[in-house]
């Protein structure tokens, strides 16, 4: 569906608006699929946590192996999702077919879907049930949405709010996706400005920073996974 909606947007580089449209396609797909990953995993984790409480009381389960097992089982599942989605949508959107750009796209989509999934698991682990977890996660999704850098780029966010941009996981995802696809493109717009210069001046995205962005996104996944494991070990919402 996303591929047909945003057909060939990635190859259009005539105006500055073409880059904004391509970024919008990335933003829309990440938010929609990430939200789906988060909300779909929450009731599953909530039910399995109830089973875990029972088995832990019987001496069958230990908290940390159970938690890390929950984290590990999502890795291949999300990888398959990312590959299927990435190959189909990347080609339909018309992004440049080079090995580095394609694998950077898969990399950022994989770890983005992964941290959305871990975030859903984490919110269940720190709340009594998946209904409250859904409310908590939805609230922060709105915050992420505002500070993602798409609705308003970081360079135009008021200085007293700009600090939160750096704490927004979605902002790092869009940074990585946009700069890996367009941050080194020398193509010239009708206005005479290059794509590379527009990305650098309008968004303040630097192509030589893509490695740091990748490390940060992996770190976000690890952070959410560790918080989930710690919360499973520490909190007990079992009602007697």
Protein backbone atom coordinates (compact mmCIF):
# COMPACT_ATOMS: atom_id res chain seq x y z
CA UNK A 1 0.00 0.00 0.00
CA UNK A 2 2.76 2.45 0.92
CA UNK A 3 4.65 1.65 -2.25
CA UNK A 4 1.66 2.47 -4.45
CA UNK A 5 0.82 5.63 -2.49
CA UNK A 6 4.36 7.01 -2.71
CA UNK A 7 5.21 5.57 -6.12
CA UNK A 8 8.59 6.75 -7.46
CA UNK A 9 8.90 9.64 -4.99
CA UNK A 10 12.51 8.77 -4.22
CA UNK A 11 13.72 9.44 -7.77
CA UNK A 12 12.19 12.91 -8.08
CA UNK A 13 14.74 15.64 -7.45
CA UNK A 14 13.49 18.61 -9.44
CA UNK A 15 12.39 20.82 -6.54
CA UNK A 16 13.02 21.05 -2.82
CA UNK A 17 9.45 19.84 -2.30
CA UNK A 18 10.40 16.50 -3.86
CA UNK A 19 12.83 15.85 -1.01
CA UNK A 20 10.20 16.85 1.54
CA UNK A 21 7.73 14.47 -0.12
CA UNK A 22 10.23 11.63 0.03
CA UNK A 23 10.87 12.38 3.68
CA UNK A 24 7.12 12.37 4.26
CA UNK A 25 6.87 8.89 2.77
CA UNK A 26 9.56 7.69 5.18
CA UNK A 27 7.89 9.41 8.11
CA UNK A 28 4.44 7.99 7.31
CA UNK A 29 5.60 4.42 6.87
CA UNK A 30 7.78 4.46 9.99
CA UNK A 31 5.03 5.90 12.17
CA UNK A 32 2.31 3.60 10.87
CA UNK A 33 4.26 0.34 10.94
CA UNK A 34 6.11 1.23 14.12
CA UNK A 35 2.84 1.98 15.89
CA UNK A 36 1.45 -1.33 14.63
CA UNK A 37 4.47 -3.20 15.98
CA UNK A 38 4.16 -1.52 19.35
CA UNK A 39 0.44 -2.01 19.86
CA UNK A 40 0.34 -5.57 18.53
CA UNK A 41 3.05 -6.81 20.89
CA UNK A 42 1.56 -5.27 24.04
CA UNK A 43 -1.35 -7.70 24.69
CA UNK A 44 0.92 -10.66 23.90
CA UNK A 45 3.55 -9.56 26.42
CA UNK A 46 0.84 -8.86 29.01
CA UNK A 47 -0.57 -12.39 28.72
CA UNK A 48 2.87 -13.98 28.78
CA UNK A 49 3.81 -11.95 31.85
CA UNK A 50 0.87 -13.50 33.72
CA UNK A 51 2.20 -16.95 32.84
CA UNK A 52 5.67 -15.85 33.91
CA UNK A 53 4.40 -14.81 37.36
CA UNK A 54 2.92 -18.26 37.86
CA UNK A 55 5.98 -20.13 36.65
CA UNK A 56 8.36 -17.94 38.64
CA UNK A 57 6.40 -18.69 41.81
CA UNK A 58 6.80 -22.39 41.03
CA UNK A 59 10.55 -21.94 40.59
CA UNK A 60 10.51 -22.69 36.86
CA UNK A 61 11.46 -19.28 35.44
CA UNK A 62 14.10 -16.73 36.34
CA UNK A 63 13.33 -13.12 35.46
CA UNK A 64 16.34 -12.11 33.37
CA UNK A 65 16.58 -15.21 31.14
CA UNK A 66 12.85 -14.90 30.50
CA UNK A 67 13.14 -11.19 29.67
CA UNK A 68 16.13 -11.59 27.38
CA UNK A 69 14.42 -14.53 25.72
CA UNK A 70 11.46 -12.28 24.99
CA UNK A 71 13.81 -9.70 23.50
CA UNK A 72 15.78 -12.23 21.44
CA UNK A 73 12.72 -13.85 19.88
CA UNK A 74 11.75 -10.53 18.31
CA UNK A 75 15.04 -10.17 16.43
CA UNK A 76 14.42 -12.65 13.58
CA UNK A 77 10.72 -11.79 13.40
CA UNK A 78 11.40 -8.08 12.90
CA UNK A 79 14.27 -8.87 10.52
CA UNK A 80 11.95 -10.80 8.21
CA UNK A 81 9.39 -7.99 8.40
CA UNK A 82 12.03 -5.39 7.54
CA UNK A 83 13.45 -7.33 4.59
CA UNK A 84 10.04 -8.01 3.06
CA UNK A 85 8.90 -4.43 3.57
CA UNK A 86 12.23 -2.87 2.60
CA UNK A 87 12.77 -4.70 -0.68
CA UNK A 88 9.23 -4.08 -1.92
CA UNK A 89 8.83 -0.47 -0.82
CA UNK A 90 12.38 0.63 -1.64
CA UNK A 91 11.95 -0.44 -5.25
CA UNK A 92 8.44 0.99 -5.60
CA UNK A 93 9.43 4.35 -4.14
CA UNK A 94 12.26 4.61 -6.65
CA UNK A 95 15.19 5.23 -4.33
CA UNK A 96 18.67 4.95 -5.80
CA UNK A 97 19.82 1.36 -6.30
CA UNK A 98 23.28 1.36 -4.78
CA UNK A 99 24.42 -1.21 -2.23
CA UNK A 100 25.23 1.32 0.48
CA UNK A 101 21.95 3.25 0.21
CA UNK A 102 19.86 0.08 0.08
CA UNK A 103 21.51 -1.56 3.06
CA UNK A 104 21.43 1.65 5.07
CA UNK A 105 17.70 1.78 4.37
CA UNK A 106 17.23 -1.80 5.57
CA UNK A 107 19.43 -1.13 8.58
CA UNK A 108 17.46 1.91 9.75
CA UNK A 109 14.09 0.29 9.10
CA UNK A 110 15.10 -2.87 10.97
CA UNK A 111 16.31 -1.14 14.10
CA UNK A 112 13.42 1.33 13.99
CA UNK A 113 10.83 -1.45 13.90
CA UNK A 114 12.86 -3.15 16.62
CA UNK A 115 12.87 -0.20 19.02
CA UNK A 116 9.14 0.35 18.45
CA UNK A 117 8.58 -3.31 19.35
CA UNK A 118 10.83 -3.09 22.42
CA UNK A 119 9.13 0.15 23.41
CA UNK A 120 5.76 -1.62 23.39
CA UNK A 121 7.21 -4.43 25.52
CA UNK A 122 8.80 -1.91 27.87
CA UNK A 123 5.57 0.01 28.46
CA UNK A 124 3.81 -3.24 29.39
CA UNK A 125 6.63 -4.14 31.79
CA UNK A 126 6.37 -0.83 33.68
CA UNK A 127 2.55 -0.73 33.88
CA UNK A 128 -0.05 -3.07 35.42
CA UNK A 129 -1.72 -4.11 32.14
CA UNK A 130 -1.66 -3.57 28.40
CA UNK A 131 -4.55 -1.08 28.51
CA UNK A 132 -2.54 1.38 30.59
CA UNK A 133 0.53 0.57 28.50
CA UNK A 134 -1.41 1.57 25.39
CA UNK A 135 -2.30 4.93 26.92
CA UNK A 136 1.28 5.61 27.99
CA UNK A 137 2.78 4.64 24.64
CA UNK A 138 0.20 6.66 22.69
CA UNK A 139 1.03 9.77 24.71
CA UNK A 140 4.71 9.52 23.91
CA UNK A 141 3.97 8.76 20.27
CA UNK A 142 2.38 12.20 20.04
CA UNK A 143 5.51 13.75 21.54
CA UNK A 144 7.72 11.81 19.13
CA UNK A 145 5.50 12.91 16.28
CA UNK A 146 5.93 16.59 17.12
CA UNK A 147 9.70 16.43 17.62
CA UNK A 148 10.49 14.01 14.78
CA UNK A 149 11.82 16.80 12.59
CA UNK A 150 9.23 16.29 9.87
CA UNK A 151 6.40 18.55 11.00
CA UNK A 152 8.95 21.21 11.90
CA UNK A 153 12.69 20.70 11.27
CA UNK A 154 15.10 21.01 14.16
CA UNK A 155 16.53 24.25 12.79
CA UNK A 156 13.08 25.87 13.16
CA UNK A 157 12.13 24.45 16.55
CA UNK A 158 12.25 27.17 19.26
CA UNK A 159 15.55 27.04 21.10
CA UNK A 160 13.91 26.23 24.44
CA UNK A 161 12.42 23.01 22.96
CA UNK A 162 15.21 22.05 20.61
CA UNK A 163 16.99 19.93 23.23
CA UNK A 164 14.17 17.36 23.19
CA UNK A 165 14.75 16.69 19.51
CA UNK A 166 17.93 14.82 20.45
CA UNK A 167 15.95 12.56 22.83
CA UNK A 168 13.33 11.63 20.21
CA UNK A 169 13.97 8.17 18.68
CA UNK A 170 11.89 8.96 15.60
CA UNK A 171 14.04 12.02 14.90
CA UNK A 172 17.15 9.83 14.72
CA UNK A 173 15.38 7.44 12.36
CA UNK A 174 14.42 10.21 9.95
CA UNK A 175 17.91 11.68 10.22
CA UNK A 176 19.42 8.35 9.21
CA UNK A 177 16.95 7.61 6.42
CA UNK A 178 17.10 11.06 4.82
CA UNK A 179 20.84 11.59 5.07
CA UNK A 180 21.69 8.09 3.83
CA UNK A 181 19.49 8.55 0.74
CA UNK A 182 20.02 12.22 -0.08
CA UNK A 183 22.90 13.55 2.02
CA UNK A 184 25.53 12.95 -0.68
CA UNK A 185 23.46 13.65 -3.81
CA UNK A 186 25.01 16.31 -6.06
CA UNK A 187 21.92 16.68 -8.28
CA UNK A 188 20.85 20.29 -8.79
CA UNK A 189 17.32 21.61 -8.27
CA UNK A 190 15.64 24.05 -10.67
CA UNK A 191 16.70 26.77 -8.24
CA UNK A 192 20.37 25.87 -8.70
CA UNK A 193 20.82 24.46 -5.20
CA UNK A 194 22.14 20.92 -4.82
CA UNK A 195 20.23 18.24 -2.93
CA UNK A 196 23.18 17.79 -0.58
CA UNK A 197 23.25 21.51 0.27
CA UNK A 198 19.49 21.64 0.84
CA UNK A 199 19.58 18.68 3.23
CA UNK A 200 22.50 20.27 5.08
CA UNK A 201 21.01 23.77 5.40
CA UNK A 202 17.29 23.03 5.82
CA UNK A 203 17.53 20.03 8.15
CA UNK A 204 21.14 20.40 9.34
CA UNK A 205 21.70 16.76 8.35
CA UNK A 206 25.32 15.79 7.69
CA UNK A 207 26.13 12.72 5.61
CA UNK A 208 29.37 12.09 7.50
CA UNK A 209 27.27 11.74 10.68
CA UNK A 210 25.33 8.68 9.43
CA UNK A 211 27.55 6.25 11.34
CA UNK A 212 26.90 8.04 14.62
CA UNK A 213 23.16 8.02 13.91
CA UNK A 214 23.32 4.26 13.32
CA UNK A 215 25.08 3.70 16.66
CA UNK A 216 22.51 5.83 18.48
CA UNK A 217 19.56 3.92 16.99
CA UNK A 218 21.14 0.60 18.00
CA UNK A 219 21.67 2.11 21.46
CA UNK A 220 17.99 3.04 21.69
CA UNK A 221 17.04 -0.59 20.99
CA UNK A 222 19.45 -1.81 23.66
CA UNK A 223 18.14 0.76 26.14
CA UNK A 224 14.49 -0.22 25.67
CA UNK A 225 15.42 -3.90 25.88
CA UNK A 226 17.35 -3.40 29.12
CA UNK A 227 14.55 -1.35 30.69
CA UNK A 228 12.12 -4.13 29.77
CA UNK A 229 14.36 -6.75 31.38
CA UNK A 230 14.93 -4.65 34.51
CA UNK A 231 11.20 -3.93 34.87
CA UNK A 232 10.27 -7.61 34.51
CA UNK A 233 12.78 -8.44 37.24
CA UNK A 234 11.85 -5.59 39.58
CA UNK A 235 8.12 -4.89 39.24
CA UNK A 236 5.38 -7.29 40.23
CA UNK A 237 1.83 -6.32 39.30
CA UNK A 238 0.33 -9.66 40.19
CA UNK A 239 -2.98 -9.32 42.03
CA UNK A 240 -3.72 -11.83 44.74
